[in-house]
PDB file of N, CA and C in Angstrom:
ATOM      1  N   UNK A   1      99.354  93.839 124.798  1.00  0.00           N
ATOM      2  CA  UNK A   1      98.742  93.525 123.522  1.00  0.00           C
ATOM      3  C   UNK A   1      99.340  94.386 122.401  1.00  0.00           C
ATOM      4  N   UNK A   2      99.606  95.674 122.709  1.00  0.00           N
ATOM      5  CA  UNK A   2     100.211  96.550 121.704  1.00  0.00           C
ATOM      6  C   UNK A   2     101.597  96.052 121.294  1.00  0.00           C
ATOM      7  N   UNK A   3     102.349  95.541 122.252  1.00  0.00           N
ATOM      8  CA  UNK A   3     103.694  95.030 121.941  1.00  0.00           C
ATOM      9  C   UNK A   3     103.596  93.825 121.012  1.00  0.00           C
ATOM     10  N   UNK A   4     102.643  92.943 121.272  1.00  0.00           N
ATOM     11  CA  UNK A   4     102.464  91.770 120.414  1.00  0.00           C
ATOM     12  C   UNK A   4     102.063  92.189 118.998  1.00  0.00           C
ATOM     13  N   UNK A   5     101.182  93.180 118.884  1.00  0.00           N
ATOM     14  CA  UNK A   5     100.781  93.673 117.559  1.00  0.00           C
ATOM     15  C   UNK A   5     101.968  94.318 116.857  1.00  0.00           C
ATOM     16  N   UNK A   6     102.763  95.083 117.599  1.00  0.00           N
ATOM     17  CA  UNK A   6     103.960  95.716 117.037  1.00  0.00           C
ATOM     18  C   UNK A   6     104.894  94.644 116.468  1.00  0.00           C
ATOM     19  N   UNK A   7     105.164  93.630 117.251  1.00  0.00           N
ATOM     20  CA  UNK A   7     106.067  92.554 116.804  1.00  0.00           C
ATOM     21  C   UNK A   7     105.518  91.829 115.578  1.00  0.00           C
ATOM     22  N   UNK A   8     104.214  91.569 115.575  1.00  0.00           N
ATOM     23  CA  UNK A   8     103.576  90.879 114.462  1.00  0.00           C
ATOM     24  C   UNK A   8     103.750  91.675 113.166  1.00  0.00           C
ATOM     25  N   UNK A   9     103.451  92.943 113.197  1.00  0.00           N
ATOM     26  CA  UNK A   9     103.558  93.775 111.996  1.00  0.00           C
ATOM     27  C   UNK A   9     105.014  93.993 111.591  1.00  0.00           C
ATOM     28  N   UNK A  10     105.892  94.115 112.569  1.00  0.00           N
ATOM     29  CA  UNK A  10     107.316  94.297 112.263  1.00  0.00           C
ATOM     30  C   UNK A  10     107.863  93.068 111.546  1.00  0.00           C
ATOM     31  N   UNK A  11     107.450  91.867 111.989  1.00  0.00           N
ATOM     32  CA  UNK A  11     107.863  90.636 111.318  1.00  0.00           C
ATOM     33  C   UNK A  11     107.337  90.567 109.884  1.00  0.00           C
ATOM     34  N   UNK A  12     106.223  91.245 109.623  1.00  0.00           N
ATOM     35  CA  UNK A  12     105.652  91.284 108.272  1.00  0.00           C
ATOM     36  C   UNK A  12     106.339  92.335 107.396  1.00  0.00           C
ATOM     37  N   UNK A  13     107.303  93.062 107.968  1.00  0.00           N
ATOM     38  CA  UNK A  13     108.070  94.023 107.187  1.00  0.00           C
ATOM     39  C   UNK A  13     107.625  95.471 107.309  1.00  0.00           C
ATOM     40  N   UNK A  14     106.666  95.745 108.173  1.00  0.00           N
ATOM     41  CA  UNK A  14     106.200  97.117 108.357  1.00  0.00           C
ATOM     42  C   UNK A  14     107.041  97.830 109.407  1.00  0.00           C
ATOM     43  N   UNK A  15     107.070  99.147 109.320  1.00  0.00           N
ATOM     44  CA  UNK A  15     107.716  99.993 110.318  1.00  0.00           C
ATOM     45  C   UNK A  15     106.606 100.728 111.046  1.00  0.00           C
ATOM     46  N   UNK A  16     106.658 100.743 112.373  1.00  0.00           N
ATOM     47  CA  UNK A  16     105.610 101.379 113.167  1.00  0.00           C
ATOM     48  C   UNK A  16     106.178 102.493 114.026  1.00  0.00           C
ATOM     49  N   UNK A  17     105.420 103.563 114.138  1.00  0.00           N
ATOM     50  CA  UNK A  17     105.759 104.665 115.037  1.00  0.00           C
ATOM     51  C   UNK A  17     104.510 104.993 115.851  1.00  0.00           C
ATOM     52  N   UNK A  18     104.635 105.886 116.797  1.00  0.00           N
ATOM     53  CA  UNK A  18     103.500 106.263 117.633  1.00  0.00           C
ATOM     54  C   UNK A  18     102.400 106.904 116.796  1.00  0.00           C
ATOM     55  N   UNK A  19     101.172 106.527 117.082  1.00  0.00           N
ATOM     56  CA  UNK A  19     100.037 107.111 116.389  1.00  0.00           C
ATOM     57  C   UNK A  19      99.257 108.075 117.258  1.00  0.00           C
ATOM     58  N   UNK A  20      99.848 108.469 118.387  1.00  0.00           N
ATOM     59  CA  UNK A  20      99.166 109.322 119.352  1.00  0.00           C
ATOM     60  C   UNK A  20      98.624 110.610 118.715  1.00  0.00           C
ATOM     61  N   UNK A  21      99.384 111.194 117.816  1.00  0.00           N
ATOM     62  CA  UNK A  21      98.975 112.446 117.167  1.00  0.00           C
ATOM     63  C   UNK A  21      97.662 112.276 116.399  1.00  0.00           C
ATOM     64  N   UNK A  22      97.366 111.060 115.973  1.00  0.00           N
ATOM     65  CA  UNK A  22      96.177 110.794 115.180  1.00  0.00           C
ATOM     66  C   UNK A  22      95.126 109.998 115.947  1.00  0.00           C
ATOM     67  N   UNK A  23      95.288 109.847 117.253  1.00  0.00           N
ATOM     68  CA  UNK A  23      94.310 109.133 118.059  1.00  0.00           C
ATOM     69  C   UNK A  23      94.351 107.630 117.887  1.00  0.00           C
ATOM     70  N   UNK A  24      95.496 107.100 117.471  1.00  0.00           N
ATOM     71  CA  UNK A  24      95.655 105.662 117.264  1.00  0.00           C
ATOM     72  C   UNK A  24      96.848 105.163 118.080  1.00  0.00           C
ATOM     73  N   UNK A  25      97.022 103.861 118.100  1.00  0.00           N
ATOM     74  CA  UNK A  25      98.183 103.305 118.801  1.00  0.00           C
ATOM     75  C   UNK A  25      99.451 103.433 117.960  1.00  0.00           C
ATOM     76  N   UNK A  26      99.334 103.194 116.646  1.00  0.00           N
ATOM     77  CA  UNK A  26     100.509 103.203 115.774  1.00  0.00           C
ATOM     78  C   UNK A  26     100.197 103.846 114.429  1.00  0.00           C
ATOM     79  N   UNK A  27     101.230 104.371 113.803  1.00  0.00           N
ATOM     80  CA  UNK A  27     101.217 104.687 112.377  1.00  0.00           C
ATOM     81  C   UNK A  27     101.999 103.570 111.715  1.00  0.00           C
ATOM     82  N   UNK A  28     101.505 103.045 110.603  1.00  0.00           N
ATOM     83  CA  UNK A  28     102.113 101.895 109.944  1.00  0.00           C
ATOM     84  C   UNK A  28     102.654 102.320 108.581  1.00  0.00           C
ATOM     85  N   UNK A  29     103.941 102.069 108.379  1.00  0.00           N
ATOM     86  CA  UNK A  29     104.645 102.429 107.147  1.00  0.00           C
ATOM     87  C   UNK A  29     105.086 101.172 106.420  1.00  0.00           C
ATOM     88  N   UNK A  30     105.091 101.218 105.092  1.00  0.00           N
ATOM     89  CA  UNK A  30     105.623 100.110 104.293  1.00  0.00           C
ATOM     90  C   UNK A  30     107.137 100.201 104.142  1.00  0.00           C
ATOM     91  N   UNK A  31     107.698 101.335 104.470  1.00  0.00           N
ATOM     92  CA  UNK A  31     109.137 101.525 104.335  1.00  0.00           C
ATOM     93  C   UNK A  31     109.648 102.495 105.380  1.00  0.00           C
ATOM     94  N   UNK A  32     110.779 103.090 105.095  1.00  0.00           N
ATOM     95  CA  UNK A  32     111.428 104.034 105.996  1.00  0.00           C
ATOM     96  C   UNK A  32     110.537 105.264 106.205  1.00  0.00           C
ATOM     97  N   UNK A  33     110.173 105.583 107.453  1.00  0.00           N
ATOM     98  CA  UNK A  33     109.299 106.731 107.708  1.00  0.00           C
ATOM     99  C   UNK A  33     109.873 108.065 107.227  1.00  0.00           C
ATOM    100  N   UNK A  34     111.173 108.152 107.074  1.00  0.00           N
ATOM    101  CA  UNK A  34     111.759 109.405 106.588  1.00  0.00           C
ATOM    102  C   UNK A  34     111.632 109.522 105.066  1.00  0.00           C
ATOM    103  N   UNK A  35     111.247 108.418 104.399  1.00  0.00           N
ATOM    104  CA  UNK A  35     111.149 108.425 102.938  1.00  0.00           C
ATOM    105  C   UNK A  35     109.722 108.276 102.407  1.00  0.00           C
ATOM    106  N   UNK A  36     108.789 107.842 103.264  1.00  0.00           N
ATOM    107  CA  UNK A  36     107.414 107.641 102.795  1.00  0.00           C
ATOM    108  C   UNK A  36     106.433 108.015 103.898  1.00  0.00           C
ATOM    109  N   UNK A  37     105.193 108.180 103.512  1.00  0.00           N
ATOM    110  CA  UNK A  37     104.140 108.504 104.467  1.00  0.00           C
ATOM    111  C   UNK A  37     103.521 107.226 105.010  1.00  0.00           C
ATOM    112  N   UNK A  38     102.965 107.325 106.215  1.00  0.00           N
ATOM    113  CA  UNK A  38     102.257 106.184 106.799  1.00  0.00           C
ATOM    114  C   UNK A  38     100.997 105.904 105.987  1.00  0.00           C
ATOM    115  N   UNK A  39     100.698 104.633 105.807  1.00  0.00           N
ATOM    116  CA  UNK A  39      99.481 104.251 105.086  1.00  0.00           C
ATOM    117  C   UNK A  39      98.304 104.059 106.027  1.00  0.00           C
ATOM    118  N   UNK A  40      98.596 103.634 107.256  1.00  0.00           N
ATOM    119  CA  UNK A  40      97.533 103.290 108.186  1.00  0.00           C
ATOM    120  C   UNK A  40      97.728 103.933 109.548  1.00  0.00           C
ATOM    121  N   UNK A  41      96.613 104.277 110.173  1.00  0.00           N
ATOM    122  CA  UNK A  41      96.554 104.547 111.605  1.00  0.00           C
ATOM    123  C   UNK A  41      95.949 103.272 112.180  1.00  0.00           C
ATOM    124  N   UNK A  42      96.606 102.697 113.154  1.00  0.00           N
ATOM    125  CA  UNK A  42      96.190 101.398 113.678  1.00  0.00           C
ATOM    126  C   UNK A  42      95.888 101.480 115.169  1.00  0.00           C
ATOM    127  N   UNK A  43      94.726 100.985 115.549  1.00  0.00           N
ATOM    128  CA  UNK A  43      94.366 100.849 116.958  1.00  0.00           C
ATOM    129  C   UNK A  43      94.275  99.368 117.281  1.00  0.00           C
ATOM    130  N   UNK A  44      94.844  98.984 118.402  1.00  0.00           N
ATOM    131  CA  UNK A  44      94.838  97.585 118.836  1.00  0.00           C
ATOM    132  C   UNK A  44      93.756  97.423 119.891  1.00  0.00           C
ATOM    133  N   UNK A  45      92.884  96.434 119.694  1.00  0.00           N
ATOM    134  CA  UNK A  45      91.789  96.198 120.635  1.00  0.00           C
ATOM    135  C   UNK A  45      91.759  94.730 121.044  1.00  0.00           C
ATOM    136  N   UNK A  46      91.247  94.484 122.236  1.00  0.00           N
ATOM    137  CA  UNK A  46      91.069  93.115 122.710  1.00  0.00           C
ATOM    138  C   UNK A  46      89.946  92.451 121.913  1.00  0.00           C
ATOM    139  N   UNK A  47      90.071  91.169 121.652  1.00  0.00           N
ATOM    140  CA  UNK A  47      88.988  90.431 120.996  1.00  0.00           C
ATOM    141  C   UNK A  47      87.762  90.481 121.893  1.00  0.00           C
ATOM    142  N   UNK A  48      86.631  90.819 121.331  1.00  0.00           N
ATOM    143  CA  UNK A  48      85.398  90.884 122.100  1.00  0.00           C
ATOM    144  C   UNK A  48      85.213  92.179 122.864  1.00  0.00           C
ATOM    145  N   UNK A  49      86.172  93.095 122.784  1.00  0.00           N
ATOM    146  CA  UNK A  49      86.065  94.370 123.488  1.00  0.00           C
ATOM    147  C   UNK A  49      84.969  95.228 122.850  1.00  0.00           C
ATOM    148  N   UNK A  50      84.150  95.837 123.675  1.00  0.00           N
ATOM    149  CA  UNK A  50      83.111  96.733 123.166  1.00  0.00           C
ATOM    150  C   UNK A  50      83.771  98.018 122.676  1.00  0.00           C
ATOM    151  N   UNK A  51      83.417  98.418 121.474  1.00  0.00           N
ATOM    152  CA  UNK A  51      83.982  99.638 120.894  1.00  0.00           C
ATOM    153  C   UNK A  51      82.950 100.753 120.954  1.00  0.00           C
ATOM    154  N   UNK A  52      83.405 101.945 121.285  1.00  0.00           N
ATOM    155  CA  UNK A  52      82.532 103.116 121.267  1.00  0.00           C
ATOM    156  C   UNK A  52      82.435 103.593 119.821  1.00  0.00           C
ATOM    157  N   UNK A  53      81.268 103.495 119.203  1.00  0.00           N
ATOM    158  CA  UNK A  53      81.145 103.865 117.791  1.00  0.00           C
ATOM    159  C   UNK A  53      81.585 105.302 117.503  1.00  0.00           C
ATOM    160  N   UNK A  54      81.328 106.206 118.428  1.00  0.00           N
ATOM    161  CA  UNK A  54      81.721 107.604 118.205  1.00  0.00           C
ATOM    162  C   UNK A  54      83.235 107.757 118.169  1.00  0.00           C
ATOM    163  N   UNK A  55      83.949 107.003 119.000  1.00  0.00           N
ATOM    164  CA  UNK A  55      85.412 107.065 118.989  1.00  0.00           C
ATOM    165  C   UNK A  55      85.977 106.460 117.714  1.00  0.00           C
ATOM    166  N   UNK A  56      85.358 105.391 117.226  1.00  0.00           N
ATOM    167  CA  UNK A  56      85.810 104.771 115.979  1.00  0.00           C
ATOM    168  C   UNK A  56      85.587 105.731 114.812  1.00  0.00           C
ATOM    169  N   UNK A  57      84.422 106.367 114.766  1.00  0.00           N
ATOM    170  CA  UNK A  57      84.140 107.331 113.692  1.00  0.00           C
ATOM    171  C   UNK A  57      85.101 108.513 113.766  1.00  0.00           C
ATOM    172  N   UNK A  58      85.353 109.013 114.962  1.00  0.00           N
ATOM    173  CA  UNK A  58      86.281 110.143 115.120  1.00  0.00           C
ATOM    174  C   UNK A  58      87.682 109.769 114.655  1.00  0.00           C
ATOM    175  N   UNK A  59      88.140 108.577 115.019  1.00  0.00           N
ATOM    176  CA  UNK A  59      89.479 108.137 114.608  1.00  0.00           C
ATOM    177  C   UNK A  59      89.544 107.952 113.099  1.00  0.00           C
ATOM    178  N   UNK A  60      88.490 107.394 112.506  1.00  0.00           N
ATOM    179  CA  UNK A  60      88.465 107.194 111.057  1.00  0.00           C
ATOM    180  C   UNK A  60      88.462 108.532 110.331  1.00  0.00           C
ATOM    181  N   UNK A  61      87.730 109.496 110.833  1.00  0.00           N
ATOM    182  CA  UNK A  61      87.703 110.825 110.201  1.00  0.00           C
ATOM    183  C   UNK A  61      89.055 111.517 110.315  1.00  0.00           C
ATOM    184  N   UNK A  62      89.695 111.374 111.461  1.00  0.00           N
ATOM    185  CA  UNK A  62      91.025 111.959 111.637  1.00  0.00           C
ATOM    186  C   UNK A  62      92.004 111.328 110.661  1.00  0.00           C
ATOM    187  N   UNK A  63      91.968 110.012 110.533  1.00  0.00           N
ATOM    188  CA  UNK A  63      92.857 109.320 109.595  1.00  0.00           C
ATOM    189  C   UNK A  63      92.569 109.771 108.167  1.00  0.00           C
ATOM    190  N   UNK A  64      91.298 109.872 107.818  1.00  0.00           N
ATOM    191  CA  UNK A  64      90.927 110.281 106.459  1.00  0.00           C
ATOM    192  C   UNK A  64      91.424 111.699 106.157  1.00  0.00           C
ATOM    193  N   UNK A  65      91.310 112.595 107.123  1.00  0.00           N
ATOM    194  CA  UNK A  65      91.772 113.967 106.932  1.00  0.00           C
ATOM    195  C   UNK A  65      93.278 114.012 106.699  1.00  0.00           C
ATOM    196  N   UNK A  66      93.994 113.029 107.249  1.00  0.00           N
ATOM    197  CA  UNK A  66      95.448 112.957 107.070  1.00  0.00           C
ATOM    198  C   UNK A  66      95.825 112.054 105.896  1.00  0.00           C
ATOM    199  N   UNK A  67      94.822 111.639 105.113  1.00  0.00           N
ATOM    200  CA  UNK A  67      95.018 110.767 103.949  1.00  0.00           C
ATOM    201  C   UNK A  67      95.650 109.427 104.316  1.00  0.00           C
ATOM    202  N   UNK A  68      95.103 108.840 105.367  1.00  0.00           N
ATOM    203  CA  UNK A  68      95.535 107.522 105.809  1.00  0.00           C
ATOM    204  C   UNK A  68      94.300 106.644 105.992  1.00  0.00           C
ATOM    205  N   UNK A  69      94.503 105.355 105.964  1.00  0.00           N
ATOM    206  CA  UNK A  69      93.430 104.424 106.273  1.00  0.00           C
ATOM    207  C   UNK A  69      93.437 104.197 107.779  1.00  0.00           C
ATOM    208  N   UNK A  70      92.282 103.878 108.340  1.00  0.00           N
ATOM    209  CA  UNK A  70      92.188 103.549 109.753  1.00  0.00           C
ATOM    210  C   UNK A  70      91.897 102.061 109.869  1.00  0.00           C
ATOM    211  N   UNK A  71      92.620 101.379 110.720  1.00  0.00           N
ATOM    212  CA  UNK A  71      92.435  99.943 110.884  1.00  0.00           C
ATOM    213  C   UNK A  71      92.435  99.570 112.359  1.00  0.00           C
ATOM    214  N   UNK A  72      91.717  98.496 112.657  1.00  0.00           N
ATOM    215  CA  UNK A  72      91.714  97.907 113.994  1.00  0.00           C
ATOM    216  C   UNK A  72      92.449  96.581 113.917  1.00  0.00           C
ATOM    217  N   UNK A  73      93.250  96.295 114.908  1.00  0.00           N
ATOM    218  CA  UNK A  73      93.940  95.005 115.017  1.00  0.00           C
ATOM    219  C   UNK A  73      93.419  94.319 116.277  1.00  0.00           C
ATOM    220  N   UNK A  74      93.115  93.032 116.136  1.00  0.00           N
ATOM    221  CA  UNK A  74      92.661  92.275 117.299  1.00  0.00           C
ATOM    222  C   UNK A  74      93.227  90.864 117.214  1.00  0.00           C
ATOM    223  N   UNK A  75      93.446  90.222 118.374  1.00  0.00           N
ATOM    224  CA  UNK A  75      94.052  88.886 118.371  1.00  0.00           C
ATOM    225  C   UNK A  75      93.217  87.885 117.583  1.00  0.00           C
ATOM    226  N   UNK A  76      93.894  87.116 116.763  1.00  0.00           N
ATOM    227  CA  UNK A  76      93.232  86.067 115.984  1.00  0.00           C
ATOM    228  C   UNK A  76      93.105  84.812 116.842  1.00  0.00           C
ATOM    229  N   UNK A  77      92.077  84.011 116.639  1.00  0.00           N
ATOM    230  CA  UNK A  77      91.876  82.799 117.440  1.00  0.00           C
ATOM    231  C   UNK A  77      93.074  81.838 117.393  1.00  0.00           C
ATOM    232  N   UNK A  78      93.737  81.696 116.252  1.00  0.00           N
ATOM    233  CA  UNK A  78      94.851  80.760 116.138  1.00  0.00           C
ATOM    234  C   UNK A  78      96.206  81.376 116.420  1.00  0.00           C
ATOM    235  N   UNK A  79      96.238  82.602 116.897  1.00  0.00           N
ATOM    236  CA  UNK A  79      97.496  83.301 117.128  1.00  0.00           C
ATOM    237  C   UNK A  79      97.679  84.393 116.084  1.00  0.00           C
ATOM    238  N   UNK A  80      98.535  85.315 116.359  1.00  0.00           N
ATOM    239  CA  UNK A  80      98.733  86.443 115.465  1.00  0.00           C
ATOM    240  C   UNK A  80      97.614  87.442 115.620  1.00  0.00           C
ATOM    241  N   UNK A  81      97.359  88.208 114.570  1.00  0.00           N
ATOM    242  CA  UNK A  81      96.337  89.254 114.624  1.00  0.00           C
ATOM    243  C   UNK A  81      95.514  89.251 113.356  1.00  0.00           C
ATOM    244  N   UNK A  82      94.269  89.663 113.494  1.00  0.00           N
ATOM    245  CA  UNK A  82      93.396  89.950 112.363  1.00  0.00           C
ATOM    246  C   UNK A  82      93.231  91.462 112.298  1.00  0.00           C
ATOM    247  N   UNK A  83      92.903  91.953 111.107  1.00  0.00           N
ATOM    248  CA  UNK A  83      92.802  93.398 110.897  1.00  0.00           C
ATOM    249  C   UNK A  83      91.470  93.728 110.247  1.00  0.00           C
ATOM    250  N   UNK A  84      90.920  94.851 110.621  1.00  0.00           N
ATOM    251  CA  UNK A  84      89.668  95.323 110.065  1.00  0.00           C
ATOM    252  C   UNK A  84      89.820  96.796 109.753  1.00  0.00           C
ATOM    253  N   UNK A  85      89.514  97.165 108.506  1.00  0.00           N
ATOM    254  CA  UNK A  85      89.635  98.579 108.156  1.00  0.00           C
ATOM    255  C   UNK A  85      88.362  99.065 107.513  1.00  0.00           C
TER     256      UNK A  85
END
């Protein structure tokens, strides 16, 4: 699922790197990571997957402390992905 999300965002023009340092699957950049900061910490979840609210709050706080937005990506019914931040 992470590979599919990576491909989807890459086709949209984003650059992705590991988000492990921030407790996410990816860091999402609008341009070259050596020239700009990541805008989002992104976690990929299965549609209908139960989320632990404490883990979501912890990830959002970590992203906020690093001046990034936190977003969840999940498969869209018609293909591709939907995002929630």
